Amino acid sequence: MPVISEKTRARWTPSEDETLVGVIRQHVESGSSLTAAFAAAAELLPGRSAAACGFRWNTELKNHYTLPVQPRRGRRQKRQEAAGNQASAPADSAALTKGLAKTPQLPAALSQLLDAVPKVQVLFANLAQELTSYRDRVKAVEKENKALRQRIAALEALGDAAAQADLETLYRMLQRARQMNLTTHAPEGAVVYERLDSERNTNIG
């Protein structure tokens, strides 16, 4: 079979694109790299080198086809990524050092907060004890007030009973005096007697 140069086959046909994509998918699914897929496709496409297959895939086909899995990175890609990581490592280290230099007070502030925690705990404990003491005092005062109200009510009831008893005694004495004619002024004694009798009837009612 005659060898067809890449200049003669400058344009890619849809059939070549399908062959290239199929080979790439097979290699990716089997865990192979894109470099190996390009080389295998070049063997199936007369006049297309592995470099031409890679260029076609990266510039035209990659944006139109989705691979089932991410392709394995080749040695060249790994070397490029390693070089990029080594180049960015000093910059990242410098940025980290600069950031730490800008915040030297953070450990000191954190240490002060940690030192203040026990003091705050003691303060809250003292406040809780004082609150409990105040509650106990309020309960004691309420209990004393209740006892005083009961005593006042008892004294009022006792006072009413004593006043009633005194009035009854005075009434009996006046009644006895009237019967024994001890009052010297009958009209005045009658008025006093009627007044006491009226008050007695009112209290009894």
C-alpha atoms as a PDB file:
ATOM      1  CA  MET A   1       0.000   0.000   0.000  1.00  0.00           C
ATOM      2  CA  PRO A   2       1.484   3.362  -0.919  1.00  0.00           C
ATOM      3  CA  VAL A   3       2.226   5.767   1.895  1.00  0.00           C
ATOM      4  CA  ILE A   4       0.072   8.892   1.756  1.00  0.00           C
ATOM      5  CA  SER A   5       1.772  11.978   3.138  1.00  0.00           C
ATOM      6  CA  GLU A   6       0.064  14.316   5.639  1.00  0.00           C
ATOM      7  CA  LYS A   7       0.163  17.110   3.071  1.00  0.00           C
ATOM      8  CA  THR A   8      -1.863  14.980   0.676  1.00  0.00           C
ATOM      9  CA  ARG A   9      -4.299  14.073   3.466  1.00  0.00           C
ATOM     10  CA  ALA A  10      -4.524  17.572   4.990  1.00  0.00           C
ATOM     11  CA  ARG A  11      -8.259  17.432   5.602  1.00  0.00           C
ATOM     12  CA  TRP A  12      -9.703  14.980   8.098  1.00  0.00           C
ATOM     13  CA  THR A  13     -12.708  13.034   6.939  1.00  0.00           C
ATOM     14  CA  PRO A  14     -15.656  12.091   9.201  1.00  0.00           C
ATOM     15  CA  SER A  15     -14.583   8.448   8.914  1.00  0.00           C
ATOM     16  CA  GLU A  16     -11.098   9.279  10.210  1.00  0.00           C
ATOM     17  CA  ASP A  17     -12.564  11.273  13.078  1.00  0.00           C
ATOM     18  CA  GLU A  18     -14.775   8.334  14.044  1.00  0.00           C
ATOM     19  CA  THR A  19     -11.788   5.962  13.923  1.00  0.00           C
ATOM     20  CA  LEU A  20      -9.668   8.306  16.047  1.00  0.00           C
ATOM     21  CA  VAL A  21     -12.434   8.798  18.647  1.00  0.00           C
ATOM     22  CA  GLY A  22     -13.130   5.055  18.790  1.00  0.00           C
ATOM     23  CA  VAL A  23      -9.497   4.197  19.409  1.00  0.00           C
ATOM     24  CA  ILE A  24      -9.211   6.880  22.098  1.00  0.00           C
ATOM     25  CA  ARG A  25     -12.300   5.574  23.880  1.00  0.00           C
ATOM     26  CA  GLN A  26     -11.028   2.004  23.834  1.00  0.00           C
ATOM     27  CA  HIS A  27      -7.684   3.013  25.308  1.00  0.00           C
ATOM     28  CA  VAL A  28      -9.228   5.258  27.963  1.00  0.00           C
ATOM     29  CA  GLU A  29     -11.686   2.556  29.083  1.00  0.00           C
ATOM     30  CA  SER A  30      -8.846   0.048  29.346  1.00  0.00           C
ATOM     31  CA  GLY A  31      -6.797   2.468  31.456  1.00  0.00           C
ATOM     32  CA  SER A  32      -4.270   3.391  28.798  1.00  0.00           C
ATOM     33  CA  SER A  33      -2.989   6.914  28.143  1.00  0.00           C
ATOM     34  CA  LEU A  34      -3.879   9.282  25.327  1.00  0.00           C
ATOM     35  CA  THR A  35      -0.330   9.041  23.987  1.00  0.00           C
ATOM     36  CA  ALA A  36      -0.752   5.314  23.416  1.00  0.00           C
ATOM     37  CA  ALA A  37      -4.182   5.948  21.863  1.00  0.00           C
ATOM     38  CA  PHE A  38      -2.743   8.459  19.384  1.00  0.00           C
ATOM     39  CA  ALA A  39      -0.019   6.004  18.374  1.00  0.00           C
ATOM     40  CA  ALA A  40      -2.575   3.197  17.889  1.00  0.00           C
ATOM     41  CA  ALA A  41      -4.832   5.460  15.823  1.00  0.00           C
ATOM     42  CA  ALA A  42      -1.910   6.467  13.608  1.00  0.00           C
ATOM     43  CA  GLU A  43      -1.383   2.796  12.717  1.00  0.00           C
ATOM     44  CA  LEU A  44      -5.016   2.586  11.539  1.00  0.00           C
ATOM     45  CA  LEU A  45      -5.002   5.869   9.647  1.00  0.00           C
ATOM     46  CA  PRO A  46      -2.602   5.884   6.709  1.00  0.00           C
ATOM     47  CA  GLY A  47      -0.795   9.180   6.365  1.00  0.00           C
ATOM     48  CA  ARG A  48      -1.629  10.293   9.924  1.00  0.00           C
ATOM     49  CA  SER A  49       1.108  10.353  12.535  1.00  0.00           C
ATOM     50  CA  ALA A  50       0.627  10.073  16.269  1.00  0.00           C
ATOM     51  CA  ALA A  51       1.333  13.799  16.558  1.00  0.00           C
ATOM     52  CA  ALA A  52      -1.313  14.580  13.920  1.00  0.00           C
ATOM     53  CA  CYS A  53      -3.859  12.423  15.750  1.00  0.00           C
ATOM     54  CA  GLY A  54      -3.087  14.192  19.042  1.00  0.00           C
ATOM     55  CA  PHE A  55      -3.365  17.607  17.417  1.00  0.00           C
ATOM     56  CA  ARG A  56      -6.696  16.672  15.822  1.00  0.00           C
ATOM     57  CA  TRP A  57      -8.079  15.437  19.115  1.00  0.00           C
ATOM     58  CA  ASN A  58      -6.920  18.353  21.261  1.00  0.00           C
ATOM     59  CA  THR A  59      -7.905  21.129  18.832  1.00  0.00           C
ATOM     60  CA  GLU A  60     -11.105  19.835  17.244  1.00  0.00           C
ATOM     61  CA  LEU A  61     -12.612  16.659  18.634  1.00  0.00           C
ATOM     62  CA  LYS A  62     -12.135  16.946  22.406  1.00  0.00           C
ATOM     63  CA  ASN A  63     -14.749  19.692  22.691  1.00  0.00           C
ATOM     64  CA  HIS A  64     -17.365  17.668  20.795  1.00  0.00           C
ATOM     65  CA  TYR A  65     -16.943  14.213  22.341  1.00  0.00           C
ATOM     66  CA  THR A  66     -17.212  13.122  25.976  1.00  0.00           C
ATOM     67  CA  LEU A  67     -15.032  10.282  27.216  1.00  0.00           C
ATOM     68  CA  PRO A  68     -16.544   7.759  29.685  1.00  0.00           C
ATOM     69  CA  VAL A  69     -13.623   8.202  32.105  1.00  0.00           C
ATOM     70  CA  GLN A  70     -10.764  10.612  32.558  1.00  0.00           C
ATOM     71  CA  PRO A  71      -7.744   9.539  30.496  1.00  0.00           C
ATOM     72  CA  ARG A  72      -4.599   8.444  32.292  1.00  0.00           C
ATOM     73  CA  ARG A  73      -1.872  11.031  32.216  1.00  0.00           C
ATOM     74  CA  GLY A  74       1.197  10.247  30.174  1.00  0.00           C
ATOM     75  CA  ARG A  75       4.774  10.742  31.216  1.00  0.00           C
ATOM     76  CA  ARG A  76       5.002  14.089  29.440  1.00  0.00           C
ATOM     77  CA  GLN A  77       1.925  15.450  31.228  1.00  0.00           C
ATOM     78  CA  LYS A  78       3.265  14.225  34.557  1.00  0.00           C
ATOM     79  CA  ARG A  79       6.604  15.960  33.935  1.00  0.00           C
ATOM     80  CA  GLN A  80       4.827  19.173  33.000  1.00  0.00           C
ATOM     81  CA  GLU A  81       2.636  19.068  36.114  1.00  0.00           C
ATOM     82  CA  ALA A  82       5.636  18.290  38.316  1.00  0.00           C
ATOM     83  CA  ALA A  83       7.526  21.226  36.862  1.00  0.00           C
ATOM     84  CA  GLY A  84       4.537  23.489  37.423  1.00  0.00           C
ATOM     85  CA  ASN A  85       4.180  22.336  41.018  1.00  0.00           C
ATOM     86  CA  GLN A  86       7.859  22.929  41.685  1.00  0.00           C
ATOM     87  CA  ALA A  87       7.609  26.412  40.220  1.00  0.00           C
ATOM     88  CA  SER A  88       4.550  27.288  42.264  1.00  0.00           C
ATOM     89  CA  ALA A  89       5.861  25.768  45.506  1.00  0.00           C
ATOM     90  CA  PRO A  90       8.251  28.655  46.362  1.00  0.00           C
ATOM     91  CA  ALA A  91       5.516  31.198  45.643  1.00  0.00           C
ATOM     92  CA  ASP A  92       3.015  29.321  47.846  1.00  0.00           C
ATOM     93  CA  SER A  93       5.582  29.049  50.636  1.00  0.00           C
ATOM     94  CA  ALA A  94       6.371  32.761  50.403  1.00  0.00           C
ATOM     95  CA  ALA A  95       2.664  33.638  50.495  1.00  0.00           C
ATOM     96  CA  LEU A  96       2.132  31.414  53.521  1.00  0.00           C
ATOM     97  CA  THR A  97       5.084  32.954  55.340  1.00  0.00           C
ATOM     98  CA  LYS A  98       3.826  36.434  54.502  1.00  0.00           C
ATOM     99  CA  GLY A  99       0.337  35.585  55.747  1.00  0.00           C
ATOM    100  CA  LEU A 100       1.683  34.218  59.012  1.00  0.00           C
ATOM    101  CA  ALA A 101       3.806  37.332  59.457  1.00  0.00           C
ATOM    102  CA  LYS A 102       0.720  39.498  59.098  1.00  0.00           C
ATOM    103  CA  THR A 103      -1.116  37.702  61.956  1.00  0.00           C
ATOM    104  CA  PRO A 104       1.388  37.308  64.802  1.00  0.00           C
ATOM    105  CA  GLN A 105      -1.165  38.368  67.415  1.00  0.00           C
ATOM    106  CA  LEU A 106      -3.584  35.512  66.791  1.00  0.00           C
ATOM    107  CA  PRO A 107      -1.892  32.988  69.140  1.00  0.00           C
ATOM    108  CA  ALA A 108      -1.576  35.647  71.872  1.00  0.00           C
ATOM    109  CA  ALA A 109      -5.249  36.610  71.622  1.00  0.00           C
ATOM    110  CA  LEU A 110      -6.286  32.954  71.703  1.00  0.00           C
ATOM    111  CA  SER A 111      -4.116  32.388  74.770  1.00  0.00           C
ATOM    112  CA  GLN A 112      -5.735  35.342  76.538  1.00  0.00           C
ATOM    113  CA  LEU A 113      -9.203  33.947  75.792  1.00  0.00           C
ATOM    114  CA  LEU A 114      -8.243  30.539  77.144  1.00  0.00           C
ATOM    115  CA  ASP A 115      -6.823  32.136  80.298  1.00  0.00           C
ATOM    116  CA  ALA A 116     -10.061  34.075  80.823  1.00  0.00           C
ATOM    117  CA  VAL A 117     -12.287  30.978  80.626  1.00  0.00           C
ATOM    118  CA  PRO A 118     -11.712  29.817  84.252  1.00  0.00           C
ATOM    119  CA  LYS A 119     -12.364  33.331  85.565  1.00  0.00           C
ATOM    120  CA  VAL A 120     -15.631  33.541  83.648  1.00  0.00           C
ATOM    121  CA  GLN A 121     -16.663  30.134  84.968  1.00  0.00           C
ATOM    122  CA  VAL A 122     -16.003  31.257  88.565  1.00  0.00           C
ATOM    123  CA  LEU A 123     -17.978  34.444  87.967  1.00  0.00           C
ATOM    124  CA  PHE A 124     -20.979  32.524  86.651  1.00  0.00           C
ATOM    125  CA  ALA A 125     -20.798  30.112  89.599  1.00  0.00           C
ATOM    126  CA  ASN A 126     -20.830  33.032  92.081  1.00  0.00           C
ATOM    127  CA  LEU A 127     -23.764  34.639  90.286  1.00  0.00           C
ATOM    128  CA  ALA A 128     -25.671  31.351  90.395  1.00  0.00           C
ATOM    129  CA  GLN A 129     -25.072  31.053  94.154  1.00  0.00           C
ATOM    130  CA  GLU A 130     -26.229  34.632  94.759  1.00  0.00           C
ATOM    131  CA  LEU A 131     -29.359  34.032  92.688  1.00  0.00           C
ATOM    132  CA  THR A 132     -30.159  30.907  94.688  1.00  0.00           C
ATOM    133  CA  SER A 133     -29.642  32.835  97.938  1.00  0.00           C
ATOM    134  CA  TYR A 134     -31.981  35.611  96.798  1.00  0.00           C
ATOM    135  CA  ARG A 135     -34.650  33.082  95.863  1.00  0.00           C
ATOM    136  CA  ASP A 136     -34.407  31.470  99.309  1.00  0.00           C
ATOM    137  CA  ARG A 137     -34.753  34.899 100.958  1.00  0.00           C
ATOM    138  CA  VAL A 138     -37.822  35.719  98.874  1.00  0.00           C
ATOM    139  CA  LYS A 139     -39.433  32.409  99.865  1.00  0.00           C
ATOM    140  CA  ALA A 140     -38.683  33.087 103.537  1.00  0.00           C
ATOM    141  CA  VAL A 141     -40.185  36.595 103.343  1.00  0.00           C
ATOM    142  CA  GLU A 142     -43.286  35.270 101.617  1.00  0.00           C
ATOM    143  CA  LYS A 143     -43.658  32.640 104.346  1.00  0.00           C
ATOM    144  CA  GLU A 144     -43.316  35.314 107.079  1.00  0.00           C
ATOM    145  CA  ASN A 145     -45.876  37.523 105.351  1.00  0.00           C
ATOM    146  CA  LYS A 146     -48.319  34.645 105.167  1.00  0.00           C
ATOM    147  CA  ALA A 147     -47.853  33.923 108.878  1.00  0.00           C
ATOM    148  CA  LEU A 148     -48.348  37.610 109.750  1.00  0.00           C
ATOM    149  CA  ARG A 149     -51.541  37.801 107.721  1.00  0.00           C
ATOM    150  CA  GLN A 150     -52.883  34.728 109.495  1.00  0.00           C
ATOM    151  CA  ARG A 151     -51.974  36.221 112.897  1.00  0.00           C
ATOM    152  CA  ILE A 152     -53.592  39.546 112.045  1.00  0.00           C
ATOM    153  CA  ALA A 153     -56.762  37.765 110.967  1.00  0.00           C
ATOM    154  CA  ALA A 154     -56.769  35.780 114.227  1.00  0.00           C
ATOM    155  CA  LEU A 155     -56.270  38.954 116.290  1.00  0.00           C
ATOM    156  CA  GLU A 156     -59.063  40.699 114.442  1.00  0.00           C
ATOM    157  CA  ALA A 157     -61.374  37.790 115.068  1.00  0.00           C
ATOM    158  CA  LEU A 158     -60.295  37.708 118.732  1.00  0.00           C
ATOM    159  CA  GLY A 159     -60.821  41.465 119.041  1.00  0.00           C
ATOM    160  CA  ASP A 160     -64.316  41.227 117.627  1.00  0.00           C
ATOM    161  CA  ALA A 161     -65.158  38.429 120.044  1.00  0.00           C
ATOM    162  CA  ALA A 162     -63.726  40.356 123.011  1.00  0.00           C
ATOM    163  CA  ALA A 163     -65.608  43.522 122.098  1.00  0.00           C
ATOM    164  CA  GLN A 164     -68.776  41.527 121.753  1.00  0.00           C
ATOM    165  CA  ALA A 165     -68.177  39.929 125.138  1.00  0.00           C
ATOM    166  CA  ASP A 166     -67.546  43.332 126.784  1.00  0.00           C
ATOM    167  CA  LEU A 167     -70.723  44.701 125.266  1.00  0.00           C
ATOM    168  CA  GLU A 168     -72.704  41.726 126.518  1.00  0.00           C
ATOM    169  CA  THR A 169     -71.231  42.186 130.013  1.00  0.00           C
ATOM    170  CA  LEU A 170     -72.068  45.886 130.082  1.00  0.00           C
ATOM    171  CA  TYR A 171     -75.551  45.161 128.856  1.00  0.00           C
ATOM    172  CA  ARG A 172     -76.151  42.618 131.600  1.00  0.00           C
ATOM    173  CA  MET A 173     -74.807  45.010 134.231  1.00  0.00           C
ATOM    174  CA  LEU A 174     -77.118  47.814 133.115  1.00  0.00           C
ATOM    175  CA  GLN A 175     -80.024  45.426 132.961  1.00  0.00           C
ATOM    176  CA  ARG A 176     -79.291  44.235 136.482  1.00  0.00           C
ATOM    177  CA  ALA A 177     -78.955  47.833 137.705  1.00  0.00           C
ATOM    178  CA  ARG A 178     -82.240  48.736 136.172  1.00  0.00           C
ATOM    179  CA  GLN A 179     -83.934  45.867 137.830  1.00  0.00           C
ATOM    180  CA  MET A 180     -82.460  46.820 141.198  1.00  0.00           C
ATOM    181  CA  ASN A 181     -83.397  50.487 140.712  1.00  0.00           C
ATOM    182  CA  LEU A 182     -79.755  51.575 141.148  1.00  0.00           C
ATOM    183  CA  THR A 183     -79.911  54.253 138.544  1.00  0.00           C
ATOM    184  CA  THR A 184     -80.757  57.609 140.073  1.00  0.00           C
ATOM    185  CA  HIS A 185     -81.981  59.291 136.891  1.00  0.00           C
ATOM    186  CA  ALA A 186     -84.549  57.082 135.290  1.00  0.00           C
ATOM    187  CA  PRO A 187     -84.934  58.998 131.994  1.00  0.00           C
ATOM    188  CA  GLU A 188     -81.149  59.195 131.417  1.00  0.00           C
ATOM    189  CA  GLY A 189     -80.670  55.544 132.369  1.00  0.00           C
ATOM    190  CA  ALA A 190     -83.451  54.561 130.036  1.00  0.00           C
ATOM    191  CA  VAL A 191     -81.799  56.382 127.178  1.00  0.00           C
ATOM    192  CA  VAL A 192     -78.457  54.663 127.890  1.00  0.00           C
ATOM    193  CA  TYR A 193     -80.174  51.326 128.154  1.00  0.00           C
ATOM    194  CA  GLU A 194     -82.028  51.801 124.881  1.00  0.00           C
ATOM    195  CA  ARG A 195     -78.797  52.805 123.111  1.00  0.00           C
ATOM    196  CA  LEU A 196     -76.933  49.742 124.393  1.00  0.00           C
ATOM    197  CA  ASP A 197     -79.884  47.555 123.535  1.00  0.00           C
ATOM    198  CA  SER A 198     -79.894  48.949 119.992  1.00  0.00           C
ATOM    199  CA  GLU A 199     -76.122  48.372 119.602  1.00  0.00           C
ATOM    200  CA  ARG A 200     -76.459  44.857 120.967  1.00  0.00           C
ATOM    201  CA  ASN A 201     -79.184  43.986 118.497  1.00  0.00           C
ATOM    202  CA  THR A 202     -77.110  45.425 115.632  1.00  0.00           C
ATOM    203  CA  ASN A 203     -74.009  43.393 116.590  1.00  0.00           C
ATOM    204  CA  ILE A 204     -76.041  40.240 117.036  1.00  0.00           C
ATOM    205  CA  GLY A 205     -77.743  40.744 113.673  1.00  0.00           C
END
